[in-house]
Amino acid sequence: IMSRADRILELRDGLLTRESTPEPEPVT
């Protein structure tokens, strides 16, 4: 699911600690 998202928000102990975008899936 994370790989399909536009943004990833990480919560830790009630705090929003990190925002990132998914890494593109490798091309095979």
PDB file of all heavy atoms in Angstrom:
ATOM      1  N   ILE A   1       0.843  -1.205   0.000  1.00  0.00           N
ATOM      2  CA  ILE A   1       0.000   0.000   0.000  1.00  0.00           C
ATOM      3  C   ILE A   1       0.870   1.244   0.000  1.00  0.00           C
ATOM      4  O   ILE A   1       0.627   2.201  -0.721  1.00  0.00           O
ATOM      5  CB  ILE A   1      -0.953   0.018   1.210  1.00  0.00           C
ATOM      6  CG1 ILE A   1      -2.157  -0.879   0.950  1.00  0.00           C
ATOM      7  CG2 ILE A   1      -1.441   1.425   1.510  1.00  0.00           C
ATOM      8  CD1 ILE A   1      -3.262  -0.745   1.968  1.00  0.00           C
ATOM      9  N   MET A   2       1.924   1.229   0.816  1.00  0.00           N
ATOM     10  CA  MET A   2       2.813   2.394   0.872  1.00  0.00           C
ATOM     11  C   MET A   2       3.377   2.714  -0.519  1.00  0.00           C
ATOM     12  O   MET A   2       3.513   3.882  -0.893  1.00  0.00           O
ATOM     13  CB  MET A   2       3.960   2.140   1.844  1.00  0.00           C
ATOM     14  CG  MET A   2       3.530   1.934   3.281  1.00  0.00           C
ATOM     15  SD  MET A   2       4.970   1.572   4.330  1.00  0.00           S
ATOM     16  CE  MET A   2       4.207   0.566   5.615  1.00  0.00           C
ATOM     17  N   SER A   3       3.701   1.682  -1.287  1.00  0.00           N
ATOM     18  CA  SER A   3       4.299   1.899  -2.601  1.00  0.00           C
ATOM     19  C   SER A   3       3.313   2.518  -3.581  1.00  0.00           C
ATOM     20  O   SER A   3       3.724   3.127  -4.573  1.00  0.00           O
ATOM     21  CB  SER A   3       4.836   0.573  -3.165  1.00  0.00           C
ATOM     22  OG  SER A   3       3.772  -0.291  -3.537  1.00  0.00           O
ATOM     23  N   ARG A   4       2.002   2.384  -3.323  1.00  0.00           N
ATOM     24  CA  ARG A   4       0.981   2.948  -4.207  1.00  0.00           C
ATOM     25  C   ARG A   4       0.541   4.344  -3.772  1.00  0.00           C
ATOM     26  O   ARG A   4      -0.201   5.015  -4.480  1.00  0.00           O
ATOM     27  CB  ARG A   4      -0.254   2.040  -4.225  1.00  0.00           C
ATOM     28  CG  ARG A   4      -0.031   0.623  -4.743  1.00  0.00           C
ATOM     29  CD  ARG A   4       0.185   0.595  -6.237  1.00  0.00           C
ATOM     30  NE  ARG A   4       0.180  -0.774  -6.744  1.00  0.00           N
ATOM     31  CZ  ARG A   4      -0.886  -1.366  -7.281  1.00  0.00           C
ATOM     32  NH1 ARG A   4      -2.037  -0.737  -7.346  1.00  0.00           N
ATOM     33  NH2 ARG A   4      -0.802  -2.597  -7.740  1.00  0.00           N
ATOM     34  N   ALA A   5       0.951   4.770  -2.579  1.00  0.00           N
ATOM     35  CA  ALA A   5       0.501   6.054  -2.031  1.00  0.00           C
ATOM     36  C   ALA A   5       1.236   7.215  -2.695  1.00  0.00           C
ATOM     37  O   ALA A   5       2.300   7.056  -3.284  1.00  0.00           O
ATOM     38  CB  ALA A   5       0.716   6.084  -0.526  1.00  0.00           C
ATOM     39  N   ASP A   6       0.626   8.410  -2.581  1.00  0.00           N
ATOM     40  CA  ASP A   6       1.293   9.627  -3.046  1.00  0.00           C
ATOM     41  C   ASP A   6       2.226  10.180  -1.984  1.00  0.00           C
ATOM     42  O   ASP A   6       3.272  10.746  -2.297  1.00  0.00           O
ATOM     43  CB  ASP A   6       0.243  10.687  -3.402  1.00  0.00           C
ATOM     44  CG  ASP A   6      -0.664  10.240  -4.530  1.00  0.00           C
ATOM     45  OD1 ASP A   6      -0.137   9.863  -5.588  1.00  0.00           O
ATOM     46  OD2 ASP A   6      -1.893  10.256  -4.345  1.00  0.00           O
ATOM     47  N   ARG A   7       1.808  10.037  -0.715  1.00  0.00           N
ATOM     48  CA  ARG A   7       2.637  10.486   0.409  1.00  0.00           C
ATOM     49  C   ARG A   7       2.551   9.467   1.533  1.00  0.00           C
ATOM     50  O   ARG A   7       1.530   8.815   1.716  1.00  0.00           O
ATOM     51  CB  ARG A   7       2.159  11.841   0.944  1.00  0.00           C
ATOM     52  CG  ARG A   7       2.481  13.025   0.080  1.00  0.00           C
ATOM     53  CD  ARG A   7       2.223  14.328   0.842  1.00  0.00           C
ATOM     54  NE  ARG A   7       0.808  14.578   1.069  1.00  0.00           N
ATOM     55  CZ  ARG A   7       0.318  15.176   2.140  1.00  0.00           C
ATOM     56  NH1 ARG A   7       1.119  15.529   3.142  1.00  0.00           N
ATOM     57  NH2 ARG A   7      -0.980  15.398   2.262  1.00  0.00           N
ATOM     58  N   ILE A   8       3.640   9.373   2.281  1.00  0.00           N
ATOM     59  CA  ILE A   8       3.683   8.519   3.468  1.00  0.00           C
ATOM     60  C   ILE A   8       3.956   9.412   4.674  1.00  0.00           C
ATOM     61  O   ILE A   8       4.933  10.162   4.699  1.00  0.00           O
ATOM     62  CB  ILE A   8       4.789   7.451   3.350  1.00  0.00           C
ATOM     63  CG1 ILE A   8       4.547   6.562   2.131  1.00  0.00           C
ATOM     64  CG2 ILE A   8       4.844   6.596   4.623  1.00  0.00           C
ATOM     65  CD1 ILE A   8       5.702   5.614   1.822  1.00  0.00           C
ATOM     66  N   LEU A   9       3.059   9.346   5.665  1.00  0.00           N
ATOM     67  CA  LEU A   9       3.227  10.107   6.899  1.00  0.00           C
ATOM     68  C   LEU A   9       3.484   9.127   8.034  1.00  0.00           C
ATOM     69  O   LEU A   9       2.709   8.182   8.217  1.00  0.00           O
ATOM     70  CB  LEU A   9       1.976  10.933   7.208  1.00  0.00           C
ATOM     71  CG  LEU A   9       1.487  11.892   6.121  1.00  0.00           C
ATOM     72  CD1 LEU A   9       0.241  12.636   6.600  1.00  0.00           C
ATOM     73  CD2 LEU A   9       2.575  12.886   5.720  1.00  0.00           C
ATOM     74  N   GLU A  10       4.542   9.343   8.783  1.00  0.00           N
ATOM     75  CA  GLU A  10       4.888   8.435   9.874  1.00  0.00           C
ATOM     76  C   GLU A  10       4.611   9.083  11.229  1.00  0.00           C
ATOM     77  O   GLU A  10       5.075  10.185  11.512  1.00  0.00           O
ATOM     78  CB  GLU A  10       6.356   8.031   9.799  1.00  0.00           C
ATOM     79  CG  GLU A  10       6.736   7.023  10.883  1.00  0.00           C
ATOM     80  CD  GLU A  10       8.148   6.490  10.742  1.00  0.00           C
ATOM     81  OE1 GLU A  10       8.834   6.866   9.765  1.00  0.00           O
ATOM     82  OE2 GLU A  10       8.563   5.689  11.609  1.00  0.00           O
ATOM     83  N   LEU A  11       3.834   8.368  12.045  1.00  0.00           N
ATOM     84  CA  LEU A  11       3.570   8.796  13.416  1.00  0.00           C
ATOM     85  C   LEU A  11       4.400   7.962  14.375  1.00  0.00           C
ATOM     86  O   LEU A  11       4.551   6.747  14.192  1.00  0.00           O
ATOM     87  CB  LEU A  11       2.082   8.610  13.752  1.00  0.00           C
ATOM     88  CG  LEU A  11       1.106   9.669  13.245  1.00  0.00           C
ATOM     89  CD1 LEU A  11      -0.318   9.190  13.472  1.00  0.00           C
ATOM     90  CD2 LEU A  11       1.320  10.998  13.945  1.00  0.00           C
ATOM     91  N   ARG A  12       4.919   8.635  15.393  1.00  0.00           N
ATOM     92  CA  ARG A  12       5.657   7.935  16.440  1.00  0.00           C
ATOM     93  C   ARG A  12       5.326   8.594  17.777  1.00  0.00           C
ATOM     94  O   ARG A  12       5.549   9.790  17.948  1.00  0.00           O
ATOM     95  CB  ARG A  12       7.160   7.986  16.178  1.00  0.00           C
ATOM     96  CG  ARG A  12       8.000   7.215  17.185  1.00  0.00           C
ATOM     97  CD  ARG A  12       9.463   7.249  16.790  1.00  0.00           C
ATOM     98  NE  ARG A  12       9.692   6.622  15.496  1.00  0.00           N
ATOM     99  CZ  ARG A  12      10.862   6.641  14.855  1.00  0.00           C
ATOM    100  NH1 ARG A  12      11.893   7.270  15.397  1.00  0.00           N
ATOM    101  NH2 ARG A  12      10.991   6.045  13.686  1.00  0.00           N
ATOM    102  N   ASP A  13       4.744   7.814  18.680  1.00  0.00           N
ATOM    103  CA  ASP A  13       4.368   8.320  20.008  1.00  0.00           C
ATOM    104  C   ASP A  13       3.523   9.589  19.913  1.00  0.00           C
ATOM    105  O   ASP A  13       3.714  10.551  20.664  1.00  0.00           O
ATOM    106  CB  ASP A  13       5.620   8.599  20.851  1.00  0.00           C
ATOM    107  CG  ASP A  13       6.409   7.324  21.134  1.00  0.00           C
ATOM    108  OD1 ASP A  13       5.772   6.260  21.275  1.00  0.00           O
ATOM    109  OD2 ASP A  13       7.645   7.398  21.201  1.00  0.00           O
ATOM    110  N   GLY A  14       2.585   9.601  18.948  1.00  0.00           N
ATOM    111  CA  GLY A  14       1.672  10.724  18.817  1.00  0.00           C
ATOM    112  C   GLY A  14       2.213  11.926  18.072  1.00  0.00           C
ATOM    113  O   GLY A  14       1.536  12.947  17.957  1.00  0.00           O
ATOM    114  N   LEU A  15       3.437  11.824  17.553  1.00  0.00           N
ATOM    115  CA  LEU A  15       4.059  12.915  16.812  1.00  0.00           C
ATOM    116  C   LEU A  15       4.219  12.531  15.347  1.00  0.00           C
ATOM    117  O   LEU A  15       4.569  11.385  15.031  1.00  0.00           O
ATOM    118  CB  LEU A  15       5.443  13.238  17.385  1.00  0.00           C
ATOM    119  CG  LEU A  15       5.485  13.845  18.787  1.00  0.00           C
ATOM    120  CD1 LEU A  15       6.927  13.832  19.309  1.00  0.00           C
ATOM    121  CD2 LEU A  15       4.947  15.266  18.773  1.00  0.00           C
ATOM    122  N   LEU A  16       3.977  13.474  14.455  1.00  0.00           N
ATOM    123  CA  LEU A  16       4.247  13.257  13.041  1.00  0.00           C
ATOM    124  C   LEU A  16       5.730  13.513  12.819  1.00  0.00           C
ATOM    125  O   LEU A  16       6.189  14.655  12.834  1.00  0.00           O
ATOM    126  CB  LEU A  16       3.401  14.209  12.197  1.00  0.00           C
ATOM    127  CG  LEU A  16       3.435  14.012  10.687  1.00  0.00           C
ATOM    128  CD1 LEU A  16       3.005  12.600  10.299  1.00  0.00           C
ATOM    129  CD2 LEU A  16       2.528  15.031  10.006  1.00  0.00           C
ATOM    130  N   THR A  17       6.487  12.427  12.659  1.00  0.00           N
ATOM    131  CA  THR A  17       7.950  12.546  12.670  1.00  0.00           C
ATOM    132  C   THR A  17       8.568  12.597  11.285  1.00  0.00           C
ATOM    133  O   THR A  17       9.705  13.054  11.134  1.00  0.00           O
ATOM    134  CB  THR A  17       8.575  11.365  13.434  1.00  0.00           C
ATOM    135  OG1 THR A  17       8.178  10.134  12.812  1.00  0.00           O
ATOM    136  CG2 THR A  17       8.113  11.368  14.885  1.00  0.00           C
ATOM    137  N   ARG A  18       7.844  12.120  10.274  1.00  0.00           N
ATOM    138  CA  ARG A  18       8.476  12.063   8.949  1.00  0.00           C
ATOM    139  C   ARG A  18       7.408  12.058   7.871  1.00  0.00           C
ATOM    140  O   ARG A  18       6.359  11.444   8.016  1.00  0.00           O
ATOM    141  CB  ARG A  18       9.339  10.805   8.836  1.00  0.00           C
ATOM    142  CG  ARG A  18      10.135  10.694   7.534  1.00  0.00           C
ATOM    143  CD  ARG A  18      11.169   9.583   7.660  1.00  0.00           C
ATOM    144  NE  ARG A  18      10.559   8.282   7.828  1.00  0.00           N
ATOM    145  CZ  ARG A  18      10.305   7.431   6.812  1.00  0.00           C
ATOM    146  NH1 ARG A  18      10.611   7.762   5.575  1.00  0.00           N
ATOM    147  NH2 ARG A  18       9.762   6.258   7.051  1.00  0.00           N
ATOM    148  N   GLU A  19       7.692  12.761   6.764  1.00  0.00           N
ATOM    149  CA  GLU A  19       6.862  12.702   5.567  1.00  0.00           C
ATOM    150  C   GLU A  19       7.750  12.349   4.394  1.00  0.00           C
ATOM    151  O   GLU A  19       8.842  12.905   4.241  1.00  0.00           O
ATOM    152  CB  GLU A  19       6.162  14.037   5.315  1.00  0.00           C
ATOM    153  CG  GLU A  19       5.325  14.038   4.052  1.00  0.00           C
ATOM    154  CD  GLU A  19       4.539  15.327   3.839  1.00  0.00           C
ATOM    155  OE1 GLU A  19       4.294  16.035   4.834  1.00  0.00           O
ATOM    156  OE2 GLU A  19       4.170  15.591   2.685  1.00  0.00           O
ATOM    157  N   SER A  20       7.301  11.413   3.564  1.00  0.00           N
ATOM    158  CA  SER A  20       8.113  10.984   2.438  1.00  0.00           C
ATOM    159  C   SER A  20       7.209  10.599   1.275  1.00  0.00           C
ATOM    160  O   SER A  20       5.983  10.521   1.403  1.00  0.00           O
ATOM    161  CB  SER A  20       9.001   9.797   2.837  1.00  0.00           C
ATOM    162  OG  SER A  20       8.207   8.697   3.250  1.00  0.00           O
ATOM    163  N   THR A  21       7.838  10.393   0.133  1.00  0.00           N
ATOM    164  CA  THR A  21       7.131   9.862  -1.030  1.00  0.00           C
ATOM    165  C   THR A  21       7.680   8.478  -1.314  1.00  0.00           C
ATOM    166  O   THR A  21       8.864   8.202  -1.063  1.00  0.00           O
ATOM    167  CB  THR A  21       7.324  10.765  -2.257  1.00  0.00           C
ATOM    168  OG1 THR A  21       8.725  10.950  -2.492  1.00  0.00           O
ATOM    169  CG2 THR A  21       6.670  12.120  -2.041  1.00  0.00           C
ATOM    170  N   PRO A  22       6.828   7.571  -1.826  1.00  0.00           N
ATOM    171  CA  PRO A  22       7.286   6.198  -2.064  1.00  0.00           C
ATOM    172  C   PRO A  22       8.417   6.145  -3.087  1.00  0.00           C
ATOM    173  O   PRO A  22       8.471   6.953  -4.019  1.00  0.00           O
ATOM    174  CB  PRO A  22       6.044   5.491  -2.602  1.00  0.00           C
ATOM    175  CG  PRO A  22       4.900   6.354  -2.215  1.00  0.00           C
ATOM    176  CD  PRO A  22       5.419   7.755  -2.172  1.00  0.00           C
ATOM    177  N   GLU A  23       9.324   5.222  -2.887  1.00  0.00           N
ATOM    178  CA  GLU A  23      10.369   4.986  -3.872  1.00  0.00           C
ATOM    179  C   GLU A  23       9.765   4.284  -5.075  1.00  0.00           C
ATOM    180  O   GLU A  23       8.931   3.386  -4.906  1.00  0.00           O
ATOM    181  CB  GLU A  23      11.497   4.151  -3.271  1.00  0.00           C
ATOM    182  CG  GLU A  23      12.233   4.835  -2.124  1.00  0.00           C
ATOM    183  CD  GLU A  23      13.366   3.972  -1.601  1.00  0.00           C
ATOM    184  OE1 GLU A  23      13.581   2.873  -2.162  1.00  0.00           O
ATOM    185  OE2 GLU A  23      14.016   4.391  -0.640  1.00  0.00           O
ATOM    186  N   PRO A  24      10.152   4.662  -6.292  1.00  0.00           N
ATOM    187  CA  PRO A  24       9.611   3.978  -7.472  1.00  0.00           C
ATOM    188  C   PRO A  24       9.989   2.509  -7.468  1.00  0.00           C
ATOM    189  O   PRO A  24      11.093   2.130  -7.042  1.00  0.00           O
ATOM    190  CB  PRO A  24      10.254   4.729  -8.642  1.00  0.00           C
ATOM    191  CG  PRO A  24      11.467   5.409  -8.060  1.00  0.00           C
ATOM    192  CD  PRO A  24      11.140   5.705  -6.638  1.00  0.00           C
ATOM    193  N   GLU A  25       9.058   1.682  -7.938  1.00  0.00           N
ATOM    194  CA  GLU A  25       9.331   0.253  -7.998  1.00  0.00           C
ATOM    195  C   GLU A  25      10.377  -0.025  -9.070  1.00  0.00           C
ATOM    196  O   GLU A  25      10.371   0.602 -10.143  1.00  0.00           O
ATOM    197  CB  GLU A  25       8.040  -0.521  -8.292  1.00  0.00           C
ATOM    198  CG  GLU A  25       7.008  -0.376  -7.199  1.00  0.00           C
ATOM    199  CD  GLU A  25       5.763  -1.194  -7.498  1.00  0.00           C
ATOM    200  OE1 GLU A  25       5.757  -1.868  -8.547  1.00  0.00           O
ATOM    201  OE2 GLU A  25       4.823  -1.137  -6.706  1.00  0.00           O
ATOM    202  N   PRO A  26      11.306  -0.949  -8.808  1.00  0.00           N
ATOM    203  CA  PRO A  26      12.356  -1.239  -9.805  1.00  0.00           C
ATOM    204  C   PRO A  26      11.776  -1.792 -11.095  1.00  0.00           C
ATOM    205  O   PRO A  26      10.793  -2.536 -11.080  1.00  0.00           O
ATOM    206  CB  PRO A  26      13.238  -2.277  -9.091  1.00  0.00           C
ATOM    207  CG  PRO A  26      12.348  -2.880  -8.048  1.00  0.00           C
ATOM    208  CD  PRO A  26      11.415  -1.796  -7.621  1.00  0.00           C
ATOM    209  N   VAL A  27      12.380  -1.396 -12.202  1.00  0.00           N
ATOM    210  CA  VAL A  27      11.939  -1.877 -13.509  1.00  0.00           C
ATOM    211  C   VAL A  27      12.644  -3.194 -13.811  1.00  0.00           C
ATOM    212  O   VAL A  27      13.864  -3.301 -13.702  1.00  0.00           O
ATOM    213  CB  VAL A  27      12.277  -0.845 -14.604  1.00  0.00           C
ATOM    214  CG1 VAL A  27      11.879  -1.389 -15.982  1.00  0.00           C
ATOM    215  CG2 VAL A  27      11.581   0.471 -14.319  1.00  0.00           C
ATOM    216  N   THR A  28      11.852  -4.202 -14.149  1.00  0.00           N
ATOM    217  CA  THR A  28      12.424  -5.503 -14.488  1.00  0.00           C
ATOM    218  C   THR A  28      12.227  -5.775 -15.964  1.00  0.00           C
ATOM    219  O   THR A  28      11.197  -5.421 -16.544  1.00  0.00           O
ATOM    220  CB  THR A  28      11.765  -6.623 -13.678  1.00  0.00           C
ATOM    221  OG1 THR A  28      10.354  -6.607 -13.891  1.00  0.00           O
ATOM    222  CG2 THR A  28      12.029  -6.433 -12.192  1.00  0.00           C
TER     223      THR A  28
END
